Amino acid sequence: MAWRWTVQETTGRPPSPRAGFASALINETLYVAGGWDGTSAFGDAFAVSIETRHWRQLAVRGREGATLEGRILFAHASIGSTLFMHGGAEVTNLANLHSDLLALDTRTSTLRVVATGGVPPGPLMRHSMAARENSLWMFGGFRGRAFSADMYRLEFHDIYGDAAANDGMPEAMWR
């Protein structure tokens, strides 16, 4: 027997049509963040309950300048209740690549930049990311002039970002 796709009816206000966004299933809720429609980029985030199929928009609060505005084609994965997004490009200039790691805490709708140490991957877009326990794994992508076959692992000391608890050490270390 073949596997079958089915269209799911939903209620609430879903995100507008988009591509290049982040998504993750966290605790029976599907989260969608960022993306673009071919013209404009979105800095918003939405959640839909898998049980009730009801959409809601999150009131994302960026800490210390963290934003999804204008950013597309980033890698993403989730650990616990946090959706991580790395890199990406500016929608108005795809040659302008990002190298930071953002974390969206889905419990509080807070978006922040994660402090990391080690040898970071640098600016990338269209790369892949997966999570395993307390680490993120990234592979490939495009650096603006060349494709990458590099693989990176980011190991978290404190996934919720209490740097003071780490004696001033970075929250996570690239390995």
C-alpha atoms as a PDB file:
ATOM      1  CA  MET A   1       0.000   0.000   0.000  1.00  0.00           C
ATOM      2  CA  ALA A   2       1.304   3.460  -0.884  1.00  0.00           C
ATOM      3  CA  TRP A   3       1.578   6.211   1.700  1.00  0.00           C
ATOM      4  CA  ARG A   4      -1.013   8.937   1.163  1.00  0.00           C
ATOM      5  CA  TRP A   5      -0.897  12.694   1.637  1.00  0.00           C
ATOM      6  CA  THR A   6      -4.051  14.339   2.982  1.00  0.00           C
ATOM      7  CA  VAL A   7      -4.959  18.018   3.067  1.00  0.00           C
ATOM      8  CA  GLN A   8      -5.568  19.197   6.632  1.00  0.00           C
ATOM      9  CA  GLU A   9      -8.341  21.693   7.307  1.00  0.00           C
ATOM     10  CA  THR A  10      -7.284  24.354   9.809  1.00  0.00           C
ATOM     11  CA  THR A  11      -8.865  27.223  11.711  1.00  0.00           C
ATOM     12  CA  GLY A  12      -7.421  30.535  12.815  1.00  0.00           C
ATOM     13  CA  ARG A  13      -5.205  32.797  10.712  1.00  0.00           C
ATOM     14  CA  PRO A  14      -2.439  30.815   8.974  1.00  0.00           C
ATOM     15  CA  PRO A  15       0.791  32.387   7.739  1.00  0.00           C
ATOM     16  CA  SER A  16       0.665  33.966   4.297  1.00  0.00           C
ATOM     17  CA  PRO A  17       2.043  31.862   1.405  1.00  0.00           C
ATOM     18  CA  ARG A  18       5.856  31.685   1.680  1.00  0.00           C
ATOM     19  CA  ALA A  19       9.083  29.780   1.037  1.00  0.00           C
ATOM     20  CA  GLY A  20      12.529  29.812   2.634  1.00  0.00           C
ATOM     21  CA  PHE A  21      11.158  29.664   6.201  1.00  0.00           C
ATOM     22  CA  ALA A  22      12.017  27.634   9.300  1.00  0.00           C
ATOM     23  CA  SER A  23       9.659  25.013  10.685  1.00  0.00           C
ATOM     24  CA  ALA A  24       9.741  22.479  13.490  1.00  0.00           C
ATOM     25  CA  LEU A  25       7.359  20.198  15.318  1.00  0.00           C
ATOM     26  CA  ILE A  26       7.749  20.872  19.046  1.00  0.00           C
ATOM     27  CA  ASN A  27       5.435  19.266  21.626  1.00  0.00           C
ATOM     28  CA  GLU A  28       2.541  18.625  19.210  1.00  0.00           C
ATOM     29  CA  THR A  29       2.781  22.130  17.737  1.00  0.00           C
ATOM     30  CA  LEU A  30       4.161  22.988  14.300  1.00  0.00           C
ATOM     31  CA  TYR A  31       6.058  26.297  14.263  1.00  0.00           C
ATOM     32  CA  VAL A  32       6.720  28.369  11.124  1.00  0.00           C
ATOM     33  CA  ALA A  33       9.119  31.338  11.296  1.00  0.00           C
ATOM     34  CA  GLY A  34      10.299  33.860   8.704  1.00  0.00           C
ATOM     35  CA  GLY A  35      10.414  33.212   4.966  1.00  0.00           C
ATOM     36  CA  TRP A  36       9.463  35.234   1.913  1.00  0.00           C
ATOM     37  CA  ASP A  37       6.882  35.408  -0.879  1.00  0.00           C
ATOM     38  CA  GLY A  38       9.216  36.222  -3.780  1.00  0.00           C
ATOM     39  CA  THR A  39       9.025  39.945  -3.066  1.00  0.00           C
ATOM     40  CA  SER A  40       8.972  40.545   0.684  1.00  0.00           C
ATOM     41  CA  ALA A  41      10.553  38.755   3.642  1.00  0.00           C
ATOM     42  CA  PHE A  42       8.618  38.032   6.816  1.00  0.00           C
ATOM     43  CA  GLY A  43       9.911  38.469  10.364  1.00  0.00           C
ATOM     44  CA  ASP A  44       6.890  36.759  11.875  1.00  0.00           C
ATOM     45  CA  ALA A  45       6.224  33.365  13.450  1.00  0.00           C
ATOM     46  CA  PHE A  46       3.118  31.179  13.664  1.00  0.00           C
ATOM     47  CA  ALA A  47       2.113  28.012  15.482  1.00  0.00           C
ATOM     48  CA  VAL A  48      -0.509  25.405  14.652  1.00  0.00           C
ATOM     49  CA  SER A  49      -1.663  22.767  17.113  1.00  0.00           C
ATOM     50  CA  ILE A  50      -1.457  19.308  15.554  1.00  0.00           C
ATOM     51  CA  GLU A  51      -4.366  18.220  17.746  1.00  0.00           C
ATOM     52  CA  THR A  52      -6.821  21.084  17.087  1.00  0.00           C
ATOM     53  CA  ARG A  53      -5.391  22.293  13.729  1.00  0.00           C
ATOM     54  CA  HIS A  54      -5.772  25.894  14.978  1.00  0.00           C
ATOM     55  CA  TRP A  55      -3.241  28.551  13.855  1.00  0.00           C
ATOM     56  CA  ARG A  56      -2.058  31.456  15.986  1.00  0.00           C
ATOM     57  CA  GLN A  57       0.511  34.157  15.359  1.00  0.00           C
ATOM     58  CA  LEU A  58       3.289  34.492  17.932  1.00  0.00           C
ATOM     59  CA  ALA A  59       4.174  37.923  19.324  1.00  0.00           C
ATOM     60  CA  VAL A  60       7.919  37.490  18.713  1.00  0.00           C
ATOM     61  CA  ARG A  61      10.102  39.706  20.885  1.00  0.00           C
ATOM     62  CA  GLY A  62      13.678  40.131  19.694  1.00  0.00           C
ATOM     63  CA  ARG A  63      16.320  40.523  22.401  1.00  0.00           C
ATOM     64  CA  GLU A  64      19.380  42.685  21.794  1.00  0.00           C
ATOM     65  CA  GLY A  65      18.559  43.347  18.140  1.00  0.00           C
ATOM     66  CA  ALA A  66      17.698  39.754  17.143  1.00  0.00           C
ATOM     67  CA  THR A  67      15.311  39.730  14.169  1.00  0.00           C
ATOM     68  CA  LEU A  68      14.139  37.570  11.292  1.00  0.00           C
ATOM     69  CA  GLU A  69      13.260  40.650   9.233  1.00  0.00           C
ATOM     70  CA  GLY A  70      14.675  40.467   5.712  1.00  0.00           C
ATOM     71  CA  ARG A  71      16.386  37.086   6.269  1.00  0.00           C
ATOM     72  CA  ILE A  72      15.680  34.027   4.103  1.00  0.00           C
ATOM     73  CA  LEU A  73      17.226  30.658   3.172  1.00  0.00           C
ATOM     74  CA  PHE A  74      18.608  29.834   6.630  1.00  0.00           C
ATOM     75  CA  ALA A  75      19.192  26.411   8.186  1.00  0.00           C
ATOM     76  CA  HIS A  76      17.001  25.376  11.110  1.00  0.00           C
ATOM     77  CA  ALA A  77      16.442  22.640  13.695  1.00  0.00           C
ATOM     78  CA  SER A  78      14.921  22.354  17.158  1.00  0.00           C
ATOM     79  CA  ILE A  79      16.094  21.118  20.536  1.00  0.00           C
ATOM     80  CA  GLY A  80      13.520  20.974  23.306  1.00  0.00           C
ATOM     81  CA  SER A  81      11.265  24.007  22.994  1.00  0.00           C
ATOM     82  CA  THR A  82      13.806  26.089  21.044  1.00  0.00           C
ATOM     83  CA  LEU A  83      13.871  26.583  17.268  1.00  0.00           C
ATOM     84  CA  PHE A  84      17.407  27.415  16.082  1.00  0.00           C
ATOM     85  CA  MET A  85      18.138  29.244  12.819  1.00  0.00           C
ATOM     86  CA  HIS A  86      21.604  29.800  11.365  1.00  0.00           C
ATOM     87  CA  GLY A  87      22.805  32.111   8.617  1.00  0.00           C
ATOM     88  CA  GLY A  88      20.697  32.886   5.608  1.00  0.00           C
ATOM     89  CA  ALA A  89      20.718  35.806   3.205  1.00  0.00           C
ATOM     90  CA  GLU A  90      19.181  39.258   2.955  1.00  0.00           C
ATOM     91  CA  VAL A  91      16.107  39.157   0.747  1.00  0.00           C
ATOM     92  CA  THR A  92      17.124  42.439  -0.920  1.00  0.00           C
ATOM     93  CA  ASN A  93      20.703  41.282  -1.628  1.00  0.00           C
ATOM     94  CA  LEU A  94      21.390  37.531  -1.679  1.00  0.00           C
ATOM     95  CA  ALA A  95      25.129  38.278  -1.640  1.00  0.00           C
ATOM     96  CA  ASN A  96      24.719  39.651   1.908  1.00  0.00           C
ATOM     97  CA  LEU A  97      24.955  36.473   4.016  1.00  0.00           C
ATOM     98  CA  HIS A  98      24.481  36.039   7.763  1.00  0.00           C
ATOM     99  CA  SER A  99      26.648  33.972  10.089  1.00  0.00           C
ATOM    100  CA  ASP A 100      24.788  34.284  13.399  1.00  0.00           C
ATOM    101  CA  LEU A 101      22.748  31.659  15.215  1.00  0.00           C
ATOM    102  CA  LEU A 102      19.284  32.721  16.351  1.00  0.00           C
ATOM    103  CA  ALA A 103      17.158  30.928  18.938  1.00  0.00           C
ATOM    104  CA  LEU A 104      13.375  31.256  19.152  1.00  0.00           C
ATOM    105  CA  ASP A 105      12.149  30.091  22.559  1.00  0.00           C
ATOM    106  CA  THR A 106       8.678  28.831  21.681  1.00  0.00           C
ATOM    107  CA  ARG A 107       7.579  28.979  25.350  1.00  0.00           C
ATOM    108  CA  THR A 108       8.100  32.765  25.555  1.00  0.00           C
ATOM    109  CA  SER A 109       8.213  33.791  21.844  1.00  0.00           C
ATOM    110  CA  THR A 110      11.605  35.394  22.540  1.00  0.00           C
ATOM    111  CA  LEU A 111      14.172  35.549  19.729  1.00  0.00           C
ATOM    112  CA  ARG A 112      17.831  36.034  20.618  1.00  0.00           C
ATOM    113  CA  VAL A 113      21.324  35.643  19.187  1.00  0.00           C
ATOM    114  CA  VAL A 114      23.189  32.670  20.684  1.00  0.00           C
ATOM    115  CA  ALA A 115      26.731  33.374  21.920  1.00  0.00           C
ATOM    116  CA  THR A 116      29.052  30.715  20.505  1.00  0.00           C
ATOM    117  CA  GLY A 117      32.761  29.896  20.669  1.00  0.00           C
ATOM    118  CA  GLY A 118      35.117  27.677  18.722  1.00  0.00           C
ATOM    119  CA  VAL A 119      35.495  27.869  14.942  1.00  0.00           C
ATOM    120  CA  PRO A 120      32.137  29.081  13.589  1.00  0.00           C
ATOM    121  CA  PRO A 121      30.878  28.102  10.128  1.00  0.00           C
ATOM    122  CA  GLY A 122      30.777  31.698   8.898  1.00  0.00           C
ATOM    123  CA  PRO A 123      28.223  33.147   6.477  1.00  0.00           C
ATOM    124  CA  LEU A 124      26.080  30.494   4.764  1.00  0.00           C
ATOM    125  CA  MET A 125      22.731  30.078   3.077  1.00  0.00           C
ATOM    126  CA  ARG A 126      20.770  27.057   1.820  1.00  0.00           C
ATOM    127  CA  HIS A 127      22.604  24.727   4.202  1.00  0.00           C
ATOM    128  CA  SER A 128      21.073  21.966   6.303  1.00  0.00           C
ATOM    129  CA  MET A 129      20.842  21.572  10.069  1.00  0.00           C
ATOM    130  CA  ALA A 130      19.728  18.704  12.286  1.00  0.00           C
ATOM    131  CA  ALA A 131      19.609  18.250  16.050  1.00  0.00           C
ATOM    132  CA  ARG A 132      20.767  15.401  18.266  1.00  0.00           C
ATOM    133  CA  GLU A 133      20.482  15.626  22.059  1.00  0.00           C
ATOM    134  CA  ASN A 134      22.315  18.838  23.070  1.00  0.00           C
ATOM    135  CA  SER A 135      24.002  19.546  19.754  1.00  0.00           C
ATOM    136  CA  LEU A 136      23.251  20.938  16.312  1.00  0.00           C
ATOM    137  CA  TRP A 137      24.852  19.470  13.170  1.00  0.00           C
ATOM    138  CA  MET A 138      25.214  21.466   9.957  1.00  0.00           C
ATOM    139  CA  PHE A 139      26.344  20.499   6.489  1.00  0.00           C
ATOM    140  CA  GLY A 140      26.887  22.174   3.144  1.00  0.00           C
ATOM    141  CA  GLY A 141      25.394  25.382   1.886  1.00  0.00           C
ATOM    142  CA  PHE A 142      26.440  28.263  -0.288  1.00  0.00           C
ATOM    143  CA  ARG A 143      29.013  30.873   0.786  1.00  0.00           C
ATOM    144  CA  GLY A 144      28.147  33.476  -1.858  1.00  0.00           C
ATOM    145  CA  ARG A 145      30.726  32.404  -4.444  1.00  0.00           C
ATOM    146  CA  ALA A 146      31.188  28.700  -3.738  1.00  0.00           C
ATOM    147  CA  PHE A 147      29.310  25.717  -2.374  1.00  0.00           C
ATOM    148  CA  SER A 148      30.472  24.185   0.888  1.00  0.00           C
ATOM    149  CA  ALA A 149      30.956  20.548   1.864  1.00  0.00           C
ATOM    150  CA  ASP A 150      31.959  21.436   5.430  1.00  0.00           C
ATOM    151  CA  MET A 151      30.329  19.799   8.434  1.00  0.00           C
ATOM    152  CA  TYR A 152      29.976  21.497  11.824  1.00  0.00           C
ATOM    153  CA  ARG A 153      28.746  20.482  15.259  1.00  0.00           C
ATOM    154  CA  LEU A 154      27.575  22.958  17.886  1.00  0.00           C
ATOM    155  CA  GLU A 155      27.531  21.578  21.422  1.00  0.00           C
ATOM    156  CA  PHE A 156      25.471  23.447  24.006  1.00  0.00           C
ATOM    157  CA  HIS A 157      26.621  24.123  27.548  1.00  0.00           C
ATOM    158  CA  ASP A 158      23.352  25.784  28.531  1.00  0.00           C
ATOM    159  CA  ILE A 159      20.610  25.574  25.960  1.00  0.00           C
ATOM    160  CA  TYR A 160      18.560  28.348  27.587  1.00  0.00           C
ATOM    161  CA  GLY A 161      21.367  30.887  27.473  1.00  0.00           C
ATOM    162  CA  ASP A 162      22.269  31.640  31.056  1.00  0.00           C
ATOM    163  CA  ALA A 163      25.856  32.649  30.278  1.00  0.00           C
ATOM    164  CA  ALA A 164      26.401  33.702  33.902  1.00  0.00           C
ATOM    165  CA  ALA A 165      25.857  30.079  34.930  1.00  0.00           C
ATOM    166  CA  ASN A 166      28.726  29.135  32.596  1.00  0.00           C
ATOM    167  CA  ASP A 167      31.250  31.470  34.282  1.00  0.00           C
ATOM    168  CA  GLY A 168      31.135  33.813  31.298  1.00  0.00           C
ATOM    169  CA  MET A 169      31.839  31.014  28.796  1.00  0.00           C
ATOM    170  CA  PRO A 170      29.868  30.932  25.517  1.00  0.00           C
ATOM    171  CA  GLU A 171      26.507  29.205  25.597  1.00  0.00           C
ATOM    172  CA  ALA A 172      27.643  26.836  22.866  1.00  0.00           C
ATOM    173  CA  MET A 173      30.901  25.745  21.239  1.00  0.00           C
ATOM    174  CA  TRP A 174      31.440  24.902  17.552  1.00  0.00           C
ATOM    175  CA  ARG A 175      33.452  21.676  17.185  1.00  0.00           C
END
